[in-house]
């Protein structure tokens, strides 16, 4: 792509002579600027190495002071170096690396290396093919670079030679049937991780996880194991059914005992209720009887007091008043006026005798009833001395 040169307007006069040519001095300045930029770009590429994210930068000095591998490493960014082979920057990955041991690879992603599956001999003499995944990373780039070397030598010289042998050492402690026990299998995978870390710690590598993803026996052994497992499962099933039957019987017994206890408690509650109702009725009747007795006693006492009052002095007058009230309701009454049976309406004593009222006392001998006794407080006065 051609670079357009800038145009300048000249200051000379003339007819339409305003458009001028670029001056030679400005062209030289522009060319020098371009050359300077190119030289700076070349020098920058020669003197700086770009360390990408998730990478370590290791500087190696070949000529000069502090010759050899520098212990301090660079993080992401630009790392300075002296060009022309005097100093070099080597890059190592910071991210987690994946080593897959499998006989059926399905694809490879960045940071993953696939190798053949591990062939493990169990403790009872049978062979099993194991697919495993090892997740590891560079913990000390200086140790990795000095002990193993640059590039991917940490994988080729560090991890690969040890991975399968350690898996054989740890998983080989399992029997054929114990491979189906996930807890024991995971425990041996963790043991393999610990053994790898012991062997790789001096080389700057650290294993985070060892995962057993799949294992396979030969078809005949696999069939025998499956048959035995089915028999074991059948035994476990029958035992579980027996325990379930026992639990059901215990449940029924517990249910019956609970229902009986509920009935007993309900009967006790009904008996208690009946007892309290009887006590309530007895209390009510006794109080009603006491009340009736008090009422009847009061009525009898009233009648007795009334009789006593009627027999006291002045009762004749009361009878006379009552007879007067009776006679006052008559318009006309015929009575004999002469003879032994004659009645004098003005003779009150005769009329009372006629009606059967006894006159035992003479008027002069009749005593008035004593006035009721009234309890009055006694007031005492102090006499001033």
Protein backbone atom coordinates (compact mmCIF):
# COMPACT_ATOMS: atom_id res chain seq x y z
CA UNK A 1 0.00 0.00 0.00
CA UNK A 2 1.53 3.29 -1.11
CA UNK A 3 1.91 6.06 1.37
CA UNK A 4 0.48 9.34 0.32
CA UNK A 5 2.86 12.28 0.71
CA UNK A 6 1.44 15.45 2.22
CA UNK A 7 0.78 18.40 -0.05
CA UNK A 8 1.84 21.96 0.81
CA UNK A 9 0.54 25.26 -0.50
CA UNK A 10 3.38 27.39 -1.91
CA UNK A 11 3.75 31.09 -1.13
CA UNK A 12 4.78 32.24 -4.63
CA UNK A 13 2.50 34.44 -6.80
CA UNK A 14 1.36 33.89 -10.29
CA UNK A 15 -1.75 32.82 -12.12
CA UNK A 16 -3.11 29.77 -10.27
CA UNK A 17 0.32 28.77 -8.97
CA UNK A 18 -0.94 27.95 -5.40
CA UNK A 19 -0.33 24.10 -5.50
CA UNK A 20 3.37 23.32 -4.86
CA UNK A 21 5.52 20.18 -4.64
CA UNK A 22 6.72 18.57 -1.34
CA UNK A 23 9.94 19.95 -0.20
CA UNK A 24 12.98 17.63 -0.08
CA UNK A 25 13.69 18.40 3.55
CA UNK A 26 10.26 17.22 4.79
CA UNK A 27 10.55 14.03 2.77
CA UNK A 28 13.87 13.22 4.39
CA UNK A 29 12.40 13.79 7.87
CA UNK A 30 9.48 11.51 7.11
CA UNK A 31 11.78 8.78 5.76
CA UNK A 32 14.07 9.02 8.80
CA UNK A 33 11.04 8.70 11.09
CA UNK A 34 9.90 5.53 9.35
CA UNK A 35 13.40 4.04 9.50
CA UNK A 36 13.63 4.89 13.21
CA UNK A 37 10.31 3.18 13.93
CA UNK A 38 11.37 0.09 12.03
CA UNK A 39 14.71 -0.03 13.87
CA UNK A 40 12.95 0.41 17.23
CA UNK A 41 10.52 -2.38 16.39
CA UNK A 42 13.37 -4.71 15.42
CA UNK A 43 15.38 -3.83 18.52
CA UNK A 44 12.27 -4.30 20.72
CA UNK A 45 11.66 -7.77 19.28
CA UNK A 46 15.31 -8.67 19.78
CA UNK A 47 15.53 -7.29 23.32
CA UNK A 48 12.15 -8.26 24.79
CA UNK A 49 10.40 -11.61 25.05
CA UNK A 50 6.64 -11.69 25.62
CA UNK A 51 5.58 -14.05 28.42
CA UNK A 52 1.94 -14.94 27.87
CA UNK A 53 -0.65 -15.31 30.66
CA UNK A 54 -0.37 -18.61 32.61
CA UNK A 55 3.34 -18.86 31.73
CA UNK A 56 6.62 -18.58 33.60
CA UNK A 57 9.61 -16.80 32.06
CA UNK A 58 13.07 -18.28 32.85
CA UNK A 59 16.15 -16.23 31.89
CA UNK A 60 19.37 -18.00 30.88
CA UNK A 61 22.58 -15.93 30.74
CA UNK A 62 25.15 -17.50 28.41
CA UNK A 63 27.78 -14.76 28.35
CA UNK A 64 28.62 -12.22 31.01
CA UNK A 65 27.98 -11.74 34.69
CA UNK A 66 25.68 -14.22 36.54
CA UNK A 67 26.14 -16.78 33.83
CA UNK A 68 23.64 -19.66 33.89
CA UNK A 69 19.94 -20.10 34.76
CA UNK A 70 18.55 -17.27 36.85
CA UNK A 71 16.62 -18.37 39.93
CA UNK A 72 14.10 -15.51 39.71
CA UNK A 73 11.44 -16.02 37.06
CA UNK A 74 9.16 -13.62 35.16
CA UNK A 75 5.38 -13.47 35.21
CA UNK A 76 3.11 -12.45 32.29
CA UNK A 77 4.40 -9.44 30.34
CA UNK A 78 7.59 -8.37 28.52
CA UNK A 79 10.91 -9.72 29.82
CA UNK A 80 14.15 -7.94 28.86
CA UNK A 81 17.04 -9.89 27.32
CA UNK A 82 20.29 -9.08 25.55
CA UNK A 83 20.02 -10.40 22.00
CA UNK A 84 22.45 -12.30 19.78
CA UNK A 85 22.50 -15.35 22.05
CA UNK A 86 23.88 -13.57 25.09
CA UNK A 87 20.65 -14.00 27.08
CA UNK A 88 17.56 -16.19 26.42
CA UNK A 89 14.04 -16.32 27.84
CA UNK A 90 12.41 -19.75 28.06
CA UNK A 91 8.71 -20.14 28.79
CA UNK A 92 7.03 -22.82 30.92
CA UNK A 93 3.28 -23.27 31.54
CA UNK A 94 1.67 -22.15 34.80
CA UNK A 95 -1.70 -23.79 34.14
CA UNK A 96 -2.74 -27.29 35.23
CA UNK A 97 -1.45 -30.00 32.91
CA UNK A 98 -3.46 -33.13 32.11
CA UNK A 99 -1.99 -36.56 31.47
CA UNK A 100 -4.53 -39.11 30.25
CA UNK A 101 -3.69 -42.79 30.26
CA UNK A 102 -6.29 -44.50 28.07
CA UNK A 103 -6.62 -47.05 25.30
CA UNK A 104 -9.69 -45.31 23.83
CA UNK A 105 -8.77 -41.64 23.25
CA UNK A 106 -11.66 -39.39 22.25
CA UNK A 107 -9.76 -36.17 21.52
CA UNK A 108 -7.03 -33.94 22.81
CA UNK A 109 -7.49 -30.47 24.25
CA UNK A 110 -4.77 -27.86 24.94
CA UNK A 111 -2.65 -28.79 27.94
CA UNK A 112 -3.61 -32.48 27.64
CA UNK A 113 -1.30 -35.30 26.69
CA UNK A 114 -2.67 -38.78 25.90
CA UNK A 115 -0.71 -41.96 26.47
CA UNK A 116 -1.68 -45.63 26.48
CA UNK A 117 -3.68 -47.00 29.40
CA UNK A 118 -2.04 -48.53 32.45
CA UNK A 119 -2.00 -52.31 32.71
CA UNK A 120 -2.33 -53.23 36.39
CA UNK A 121 -1.81 -56.65 37.92
CA UNK A 122 -4.07 -57.14 40.94
CA UNK A 123 -2.91 -58.69 44.19
CA UNK A 124 -4.64 -61.99 43.28
CA UNK A 125 -2.79 -62.28 39.95
CA UNK A 126 -5.26 -60.95 37.36
CA UNK A 127 -4.63 -58.13 34.87
CA UNK A 128 -6.87 -55.12 34.40
CA UNK A 129 -6.64 -52.20 31.95
CA UNK A 130 -7.11 -48.88 33.72
CA UNK A 131 -7.97 -45.49 32.23
CA UNK A 132 -6.65 -42.79 34.55
CA UNK A 133 -6.24 -39.02 34.50
CA UNK A 134 -3.41 -37.22 36.33
CA UNK A 135 -3.73 -33.47 36.97
CA UNK A 136 -0.45 -31.78 37.79
CA UNK A 137 1.31 -28.42 37.49
CA UNK A 138 4.73 -26.80 37.71
CA UNK A 139 5.23 -25.66 41.30
CA UNK A 140 8.87 -24.49 40.98
CA UNK A 141 9.90 -23.47 37.45
CA UNK A 142 13.57 -23.08 38.44
CA UNK A 143 13.78 -26.71 39.62
CA UNK A 144 11.90 -27.93 36.55
CA UNK A 145 14.22 -26.09 34.19
CA UNK A 146 17.44 -27.10 35.95
CA UNK A 147 16.49 -30.73 36.67
CA UNK A 148 14.42 -31.62 33.59
CA UNK A 149 15.03 -28.94 30.98
CA UNK A 150 13.04 -26.47 28.83
CA UNK A 151 9.95 -27.05 26.70
CA UNK A 152 7.88 -30.16 27.49
CA UNK A 153 10.73 -32.12 29.04
CA UNK A 154 8.95 -31.74 32.40
CA UNK A 155 6.33 -34.09 30.95
CA UNK A 156 8.56 -36.44 28.93
CA UNK A 157 11.30 -36.83 31.57
CA UNK A 158 9.35 -36.06 34.73
CA UNK A 159 5.78 -37.33 34.64
CA UNK A 160 5.58 -40.03 31.95
CA UNK A 161 8.32 -42.35 33.28
CA UNK A 162 6.77 -42.40 36.76
CA UNK A 163 3.00 -42.34 36.17
CA UNK A 164 2.32 -45.95 35.15
CA UNK A 165 4.80 -47.48 37.59
CA UNK A 166 3.24 -45.60 40.52
CA UNK A 167 -0.27 -46.63 39.45
CA UNK A 168 0.86 -50.27 39.34
CA UNK A 169 2.36 -49.88 42.80
CA UNK A 170 -0.76 -48.42 44.41
CA UNK A 171 -3.67 -49.96 42.46
CA UNK A 172 -1.91 -53.33 42.37
CA UNK A 173 -2.65 -53.66 46.09
CA UNK A 174 -6.33 -54.21 45.27
CA UNK A 175 -7.87 -57.59 44.54
CA UNK A 176 -10.02 -58.24 41.49
CA UNK A 177 -13.26 -57.65 43.40
CA UNK A 178 -11.94 -54.64 45.32
CA UNK A 179 -11.67 -52.70 42.07
CA UNK A 180 -15.47 -52.48 42.20
CA UNK A 181 -15.34 -50.90 45.66
CA UNK A 182 -15.29 -47.17 44.94
CA UNK A 183 -14.03 -46.19 48.41
CA UNK A 184 -11.03 -48.54 48.24
CA UNK A 185 -10.33 -47.52 44.64
CA UNK A 186 -10.35 -43.81 45.51
CA UNK A 187 -8.11 -44.46 48.52
CA UNK A 188 -5.50 -46.17 46.30
CA UNK A 189 -5.74 -43.33 43.75
CA UNK A 190 -4.96 -40.85 46.54
CA UNK A 191 -2.05 -43.07 47.59
CA UNK A 192 -0.72 -42.88 44.00
CA UNK A 193 -0.96 -39.08 44.17
CA UNK A 194 1.05 -38.98 47.40
CA UNK A 195 3.74 -41.31 45.98
CA UNK A 196 4.06 -39.19 42.81
CA UNK A 197 4.45 -36.02 44.87
CA UNK A 198 7.22 -37.62 46.92
CA UNK A 199 9.09 -38.53 43.73
CA UNK A 200 8.47 -35.27 41.85
CA UNK A 201 8.97 -32.71 44.61
CA UNK A 202 12.71 -32.45 43.88
CA UNK A 203 11.93 -31.81 40.21
CA UNK A 204 9.51 -28.92 40.86
CA UNK A 205 6.28 -30.75 39.89
CA UNK A 206 3.15 -31.19 42.01
CA UNK A 207 0.30 -33.66 41.39
CA UNK A 208 -3.13 -32.39 42.41
CA UNK A 209 -5.40 -35.33 41.54
CA UNK A 210 -5.22 -38.91 40.29
CA UNK A 211 -8.58 -40.05 38.89
CA UNK A 212 -9.40 -43.65 37.92
CA UNK A 213 -12.06 -43.19 35.26
CA UNK A 214 -12.56 -46.69 33.85
CA UNK A 215 -11.18 -50.20 34.22
CA UNK A 216 -11.73 -53.39 32.25
CA UNK A 217 -10.82 -57.07 32.74
CA UNK A 218 -10.62 -59.75 30.10
CA UNK A 219 -14.10 -60.96 28.99
CA UNK A 220 -13.91 -64.32 30.87
CA UNK A 221 -12.73 -62.73 34.11
CA UNK A 222 -15.28 -59.95 33.72
CA UNK A 223 -18.09 -62.51 33.33
CA UNK A 224 -16.94 -64.47 36.38
CA UNK A 225 -16.78 -61.32 38.46
CA UNK A 226 -20.23 -60.19 37.32
CA UNK A 227 -21.73 -63.62 38.11
CA UNK A 228 -20.17 -63.62 41.55
CA UNK A 229 -21.36 -60.07 42.14
CA UNK A 230 -24.88 -61.08 41.12
CA UNK A 231 -24.79 -63.98 43.58
CA UNK A 232 -23.53 -61.68 46.30
CA UNK A 233 -26.26 -59.19 45.49
CA UNK A 234 -28.85 -62.00 45.65
CA UNK A 235 -27.56 -63.00 49.10
CA UNK A 236 -27.63 -59.38 50.22
CA UNK A 237 -31.15 -59.04 48.82
CA UNK A 238 -32.42 -62.06 50.73
CA UNK A 239 -30.76 -60.83 53.91
CA UNK A 240 -32.32 -57.43 53.39
CA UNK A 241 -35.74 -59.01 52.85
CA UNK A 242 -35.33 -61.01 56.08
CA UNK A 243 -34.36 -57.89 58.01
CA UNK A 244 -37.26 -56.02 56.43
CA UNK A 245 -39.69 -58.77 57.57
CA UNK A 246 -38.30 -58.58 61.11
CA UNK A 247 -38.66 -54.83 61.05
CA UNK A 248 -42.26 -55.14 59.87
CA UNK A 249 -43.03 -57.56 62.71
CA UNK A 250 -41.44 -55.19 65.21
CA UNK A 251 -43.46 -52.38 63.69
CA UNK A 252 -46.72 -54.32 64.01
CA UNK A 253 -45.94 -55.24 67.63
CA UNK A 254 -45.07 -51.66 68.43
CA UNK A 255 -48.27 -50.50 66.71
CA UNK A 256 -50.41 -52.97 68.68
CA UNK A 257 -48.79 -52.00 71.96
CA UNK A 258 -49.32 -48.35 71.13
CA UNK A 259 -52.99 -48.89 70.25
CA UNK A 260 -53.52 -50.87 73.49
CA UNK A 261 -51.90 -48.12 75.50
CA UNK A 262 -54.12 -45.56 73.79
CA UNK A 263 -57.24 -47.59 74.67
CA UNK A 264 -56.08 -47.93 78.29
CA UNK A 265 -55.48 -44.20 78.53
CA UNK A 266 -58.89 -43.48 76.98
CA UNK A 267 -60.58 -45.86 79.46
CA UNK A 268 -58.73 -44.21 82.33
CA UNK A 269 -59.85 -40.85 81.05
CA UNK A 270 -63.50 -41.97 80.83
CA UNK A 271 -63.35 -43.41 84.35
CA UNK A 272 -61.84 -40.21 85.66
CA UNK A 273 -64.52 -38.17 83.88
CA UNK A 274 -67.35 -40.33 85.30
CA UNK A 275 -65.82 -40.10 88.78
CA UNK A 276 -65.59 -36.34 88.60
CA UNK A 277 -69.12 -36.04 87.22
CA UNK A 278 -70.41 -38.21 90.11
CA UNK A 279 -68.52 -36.05 92.59
CA UNK A 280 -69.98 -32.96 90.95
CA UNK A 281 -73.55 -34.34 91.07
CA UNK A 282 -73.10 -35.42 94.72
CA UNK A 283 -71.77 -31.99 95.63
CA UNK A 284 -74.63 -30.29 93.77
CA UNK A 285 -77.30 -32.45 95.40
CA UNK A 286 -75.79 -32.06 98.84
CA UNK A 287 -75.68 -28.29 98.46
CA UNK A 288 -79.25 -28.24 97.10
CA UNK A 289 -80.39 -30.40 100.05
CA UNK A 290 -78.64 -28.10 102.49
CA UNK A 291 -80.26 -25.11 100.80
CA UNK A 292 -83.72 -26.77 100.91
CA UNK A 293 -83.16 -27.65 104.55
CA UNK A 294 -82.25 -24.06 105.34
CA UNK A 295 -85.31 -22.78 103.46
CA UNK A 296 -87.67 -25.25 105.13
CA UNK A 297 -86.11 -24.54 108.49
CA UNK A 298 -86.54 -20.82 107.93
CA UNK A 299 -90.15 -21.31 106.82
CA UNK A 300 -90.88 -23.50 109.85
CA UNK A 301 -89.21 -20.97 112.11
CA UNK A 302 -91.28 -18.23 110.51
CA UNK A 303 -94.48 -20.14 111.09
CA UNK A 304 -93.43 -20.87 114.67
CA UNK A 305 -92.60 -17.23 115.28
CA UNK A 306 -95.90 -16.24 113.68
CA UNK A 307 -97.80 -18.64 115.98
CA UNK A 308 -95.94 -17.28 118.96
CA UNK A 309 -96.83 -13.78 117.87
CA UNK A 310 -100.45 -14.78 117.43
CA UNK A 311 -100.55 -16.19 120.98
CA UNK A 312 -99.01 -13.09 122.54
CA UNK A 313 -100.87 -10.02 123.89
CA UNK A 314 -102.69 -8.07 121.21
CA UNK A 315 -103.55 -11.12 119.15
CA UNK A 316 -107.24 -10.64 119.97
CA UNK A 317 -107.12 -7.21 118.45
CA UNK A 318 -105.50 -8.64 115.34
CA UNK A 319 -108.23 -11.27 115.08
CA UNK A 320 -110.81 -8.58 115.54
CA UNK A 321 -109.28 -6.50 112.81
CA UNK A 322 -109.26 -9.50 110.48
CA UNK A 323 -112.92 -10.22 111.36
CA UNK A 324 -113.73 -6.61 110.77
CA UNK A 325 -112.16 -6.89 107.34
CA UNK A 326 -114.27 -10.01 106.68
CA UNK A 327 -117.42 -8.40 107.90
CA UNK A 328 -116.60 -5.23 106.03
CA UNK A 329 -117.14 -7.05 102.78
CA UNK A 330 -120.78 -7.87 103.62
CA UNK A 331 -123.55 -5.53 102.60
CA UNK A 332 -126.17 -7.04 104.91
CA UNK A 333 -126.05 -9.64 107.73
CA UNK A 334 -128.99 -10.84 109.78
CA UNK A 335 -128.28 -11.69 113.38
CA UNK A 336 -130.65 -12.32 116.30
CA UNK A 337 -130.76 -9.31 118.56
CA UNK A 338 -132.63 -10.73 121.64
CA UNK A 339 -132.54 -13.80 123.80
CA UNK A 340 -129.68 -16.04 124.75
CA UNK A 341 -128.48 -16.27 121.17
CA UNK A 342 -128.84 -12.61 120.47
CA UNK A 343 -125.87 -10.64 119.15
CA UNK A 344 -125.06 -7.12 119.99
CA UNK A 345 -122.71 -5.80 117.29
CA UNK A 346 -121.37 -3.33 119.74
CA UNK A 347 -120.35 -6.06 122.20
CA UNK A 348 -116.86 -6.93 120.86
CA UNK A 349 -116.12 -9.49 123.52
CA UNK A 350 -119.36 -11.29 122.79
CA UNK A 351 -118.54 -11.39 119.10
CA UNK A 352 -115.05 -12.71 119.80
CA UNK A 353 -116.52 -15.41 122.03
CA UNK A 354 -118.96 -16.23 119.29
CA UNK A 355 -116.09 -16.80 116.88
CA UNK A 356 -114.19 -18.98 119.40
CA UNK A 357 -111.53 -16.53 120.47
CA UNK A 358 -110.67 -17.24 124.16
CA UNK A 359 -110.59 -14.34 126.47
CA UNK A 360 -108.42 -15.60 129.33
CA UNK A 361 -107.18 -12.28 130.66
CA UNK A 362 -108.95 -9.13 131.63
CA UNK A 363 -107.89 -5.92 130.02
CA UNK A 364 -106.27 -4.74 133.20
CA UNK A 365 -104.20 -7.91 133.48
CA UNK A 366 -103.02 -8.06 129.88
CA UNK A 367 -99.41 -7.27 129.42
CA UNK A 368 -97.98 -5.59 126.40
CA UNK A 369 -95.29 -7.51 124.54
CA UNK A 370 -91.77 -6.62 125.50
CA UNK A 371 -90.08 -4.36 123.05
CA UNK A 372 -87.31 -5.92 121.02
CA UNK A 373 -83.88 -5.68 122.47
CA UNK A 374 -81.62 -3.42 120.49
CA UNK A 375 -77.90 -3.55 121.08
CA UNK A 376 -76.82 0.07 121.40
CA UNK A 377 -73.30 1.15 122.13
CA UNK A 378 -72.66 2.49 125.58
CA UNK A 379 -71.37 6.01 125.48
CA UNK A 380 -69.33 7.10 128.44
CA UNK A 381 -68.50 10.69 129.21
CA UNK A 382 -65.51 11.84 131.12
CA UNK A 383 -66.22 14.25 133.93
CA UNK A 384 -63.83 17.12 134.09
CA UNK A 385 -62.25 17.35 137.46
